[in-house]
Amino acid sequence: MFSSFIKKTVDDTSGATAIEYGLILALIALAMIGALTSFAGTAVAMWDDVATRVVAATGA
């Protein structure tokens, strides 16, 4: 009885699929965070340039 439980537990692969999907989701999230971090730096630099040019154009 106990050995059949162990065999069923070892042969069960339903949790492996959930873990694989979780790992894929984590990798996608890391890629998105990296891309957004890179984009944020570019966007901040762009808006700083716009602010500088507006101040220069208005003479304020």
N, C-alpha and C. Protein backbone atom coordinates (compact mmCIF):
# COMPACT_ATOMS: atom_id res chain seq x y z
N MET A 1 0.83 -1.20 0.00
CA MET A 1 0.00 0.00 0.00
C MET A 1 0.87 1.25 0.00
N PHE A 2 1.85 1.31 0.90
CA PHE A 2 2.72 2.48 0.97
C PHE A 2 3.59 2.57 -0.28
N SER A 3 4.05 1.44 -0.79
CA SER A 3 4.89 1.46 -1.99
C SER A 3 4.10 1.92 -3.21
N SER A 4 2.82 1.58 -3.29
CA SER A 4 2.02 2.06 -4.42
C SER A 4 1.81 3.58 -4.34
N PHE A 5 1.69 4.11 -3.13
CA PHE A 5 1.57 5.56 -2.94
C PHE A 5 2.85 6.26 -3.39
N ILE A 6 3.99 5.72 -3.02
CA ILE A 6 5.27 6.29 -3.42
C ILE A 6 5.42 6.24 -4.94
N LYS A 7 5.04 5.11 -5.55
CA LYS A 7 5.14 4.98 -7.00
C LYS A 7 4.25 6.00 -7.70
N LYS A 8 3.02 6.17 -7.22
CA LYS A 8 2.11 7.16 -7.82
C LYS A 8 2.67 8.57 -7.67
N THR A 9 3.26 8.85 -6.52
CA THR A 9 3.81 10.18 -6.26
C THR A 9 5.00 10.46 -7.17
N VAL A 10 5.86 9.48 -7.36
CA VAL A 10 7.04 9.65 -8.20
C VAL A 10 6.63 9.79 -9.67
N ASP A 11 5.62 9.04 -10.09
CA ASP A 11 5.20 9.06 -11.49
C ASP A 11 4.30 10.24 -11.83
N ASP A 12 3.80 10.95 -10.82
CA ASP A 12 2.88 12.07 -11.07
C ASP A 12 3.66 13.24 -11.67
N THR A 13 3.26 13.69 -12.84
CA THR A 13 3.93 14.81 -13.50
C THR A 13 3.04 16.04 -13.64
N SER A 14 1.88 16.04 -13.02
CA SER A 14 0.97 17.17 -13.18
C SER A 14 1.54 18.44 -12.56
N GLY A 15 2.29 18.32 -11.47
CA GLY A 15 2.89 19.49 -10.85
C GLY A 15 4.05 20.04 -11.66
N ALA A 16 4.70 19.18 -12.43
CA ALA A 16 5.85 19.62 -13.23
C ALA A 16 5.41 20.63 -14.28
N THR A 17 4.25 20.43 -14.86
CA THR A 17 3.75 21.36 -15.87
C THR A 17 3.50 22.73 -15.25
N ALA A 18 2.92 22.73 -14.05
CA ALA A 18 2.65 24.01 -13.38
C ALA A 18 3.97 24.72 -13.07
N ILE A 19 4.97 23.97 -12.67
CA ILE A 19 6.27 24.58 -12.37
C ILE A 19 6.89 25.14 -13.64
N GLU A 20 6.79 24.42 -14.74
CA GLU A 20 7.33 24.91 -16.01
C GLU A 20 6.64 26.19 -16.44
N TYR A 21 5.32 26.23 -16.33
CA TYR A 21 4.60 27.46 -16.68
C TYR A 21 5.01 28.61 -15.75
N GLY A 22 5.22 28.31 -14.50
CA GLY A 22 5.66 29.34 -13.56
C GLY A 22 7.03 29.89 -13.92
N LEU A 23 7.94 29.00 -14.33
CA LEU A 23 9.27 29.44 -14.73
C LEU A 23 9.21 30.28 -16.01
N ILE A 24 8.38 29.88 -16.95
CA ILE A 24 8.23 30.66 -18.18
C ILE A 24 7.67 32.05 -17.86
N LEU A 25 6.68 32.10 -17.00
CA LEU A 25 6.10 33.38 -16.60
C LEU A 25 7.13 34.25 -15.90
N ALA A 26 7.96 33.66 -15.06
CA ALA A 26 9.00 34.43 -14.37
C ALA A 26 10.01 34.98 -15.36
N LEU A 27 10.39 34.20 -16.35
CA LEU A 27 11.34 34.69 -17.36
C LEU A 27 10.74 35.82 -18.18
N ILE A 28 9.47 35.71 -18.52
CA ILE A 28 8.79 36.78 -19.27
C ILE A 28 8.74 38.05 -18.42
N ALA A 29 8.44 37.90 -17.14
CA ALA A 29 8.39 39.06 -16.25
C ALA A 29 9.75 39.72 -16.14
N LEU A 30 10.81 38.93 -16.03
CA LEU A 30 12.16 39.50 -15.96
C LEU A 30 12.52 40.25 -17.25
N ALA A 31 12.14 39.68 -18.38
CA ALA A 31 12.41 40.35 -19.65
C ALA A 31 11.65 41.67 -19.74
N MET A 32 10.40 41.67 -19.28
CA MET A 32 9.61 42.90 -19.31
C MET A 32 10.20 43.96 -18.38
N ILE A 33 10.64 43.55 -17.20
CA ILE A 33 11.23 44.51 -16.26
C ILE A 33 12.51 45.10 -16.84
N GLY A 34 13.32 44.25 -17.46
CA GLY A 34 14.55 44.75 -18.08
C GLY A 34 14.26 45.73 -19.20
N ALA A 35 13.29 45.41 -20.04
CA ALA A 35 12.95 46.29 -21.15
C ALA A 35 12.37 47.61 -20.64
N LEU A 36 11.51 47.54 -19.65
CA LEU A 36 10.91 48.77 -19.11
C LEU A 36 11.94 49.63 -18.40
N THR A 37 12.89 49.00 -17.74
CA THR A 37 13.95 49.77 -17.08
C THR A 37 14.77 50.53 -18.12
N SER A 38 15.10 49.86 -19.20
CA SER A 38 15.86 50.50 -20.27
C SER A 38 15.04 51.62 -20.91
N PHE A 39 13.78 51.37 -21.16
CA PHE A 39 12.90 52.37 -21.76
C PHE A 39 12.71 53.57 -20.82
N ALA A 40 12.62 53.32 -19.52
CA ALA A 40 12.41 54.40 -18.57
C ALA A 40 13.57 55.39 -18.59
N GLY A 41 14.79 54.87 -18.66
CA GLY A 41 15.95 55.76 -18.73
C GLY A 41 15.93 56.63 -19.97
N THR A 42 15.55 56.04 -21.10
CA THR A 42 15.46 56.79 -22.35
C THR A 42 14.35 57.83 -22.28
N ALA A 43 13.21 57.45 -21.73
CA ALA A 43 12.07 58.38 -21.64
C ALA A 43 12.39 59.55 -20.72
N VAL A 44 13.04 59.29 -19.60
CA VAL A 44 13.39 60.38 -18.68
C VAL A 44 14.37 61.34 -19.35
N ALA A 45 15.34 60.80 -20.05
CA ALA A 45 16.30 61.66 -20.75
C ALA A 45 15.60 62.50 -21.81
N MET A 46 14.65 61.92 -22.53
CA MET A 46 13.92 62.66 -23.55
C MET A 46 13.14 63.81 -22.93
N TRP A 47 12.41 63.55 -21.84
CA TRP A 47 11.61 64.60 -21.23
C TRP A 47 12.48 65.67 -20.57
N ASP A 48 13.65 65.29 -20.06
CA ASP A 48 14.58 66.30 -19.54
C ASP A 48 15.05 67.23 -20.66
N ASP A 49 15.31 66.64 -21.83
CA ASP A 49 15.71 67.44 -22.99
C ASP A 49 14.58 68.38 -23.41
N VAL A 50 13.35 67.87 -23.41
CA VAL A 50 12.20 68.72 -23.77
C VAL A 50 12.06 69.86 -22.78
N ALA A 51 12.20 69.57 -21.49
CA ALA A 51 12.07 70.61 -20.48
C ALA A 51 13.17 71.68 -20.65
N THR A 52 14.38 71.24 -20.93
CA THR A 52 15.48 72.18 -21.13
C THR A 52 15.22 73.07 -22.34
N ARG A 53 14.73 72.47 -23.42
CA ARG A 53 14.46 73.26 -24.64
C ARG A 53 13.29 74.22 -24.44
N VAL A 54 12.28 73.82 -23.67
CA VAL A 54 11.15 74.72 -23.41
C VAL A 54 11.61 75.91 -22.58
N VAL A 55 12.42 75.65 -21.56
CA VAL A 55 12.93 76.73 -20.73
C VAL A 55 13.79 77.67 -21.58
N ALA A 56 14.62 77.10 -22.45
CA ALA A 56 15.47 77.93 -23.31
C ALA A 56 14.62 78.74 -24.30
N ALA A 57 13.56 78.16 -24.81
CA ALA A 57 12.73 78.84 -25.81
C ALA A 57 11.88 79.95 -25.18
N THR A 58 11.45 79.75 -23.97
CA THR A 58 10.60 80.76 -23.32
C THR A 58 11.39 81.78 -22.56
N GLY A 59 12.65 81.51 -22.32
CA GLY A 59 13.51 82.46 -21.60
C GLY A 59 13.19 82.52 -20.12
N ALA A 60 12.54 81.49 -19.62
CA ALA A 60 12.17 81.50 -18.20
C ALA A 60 13.28 81.03 -17.31
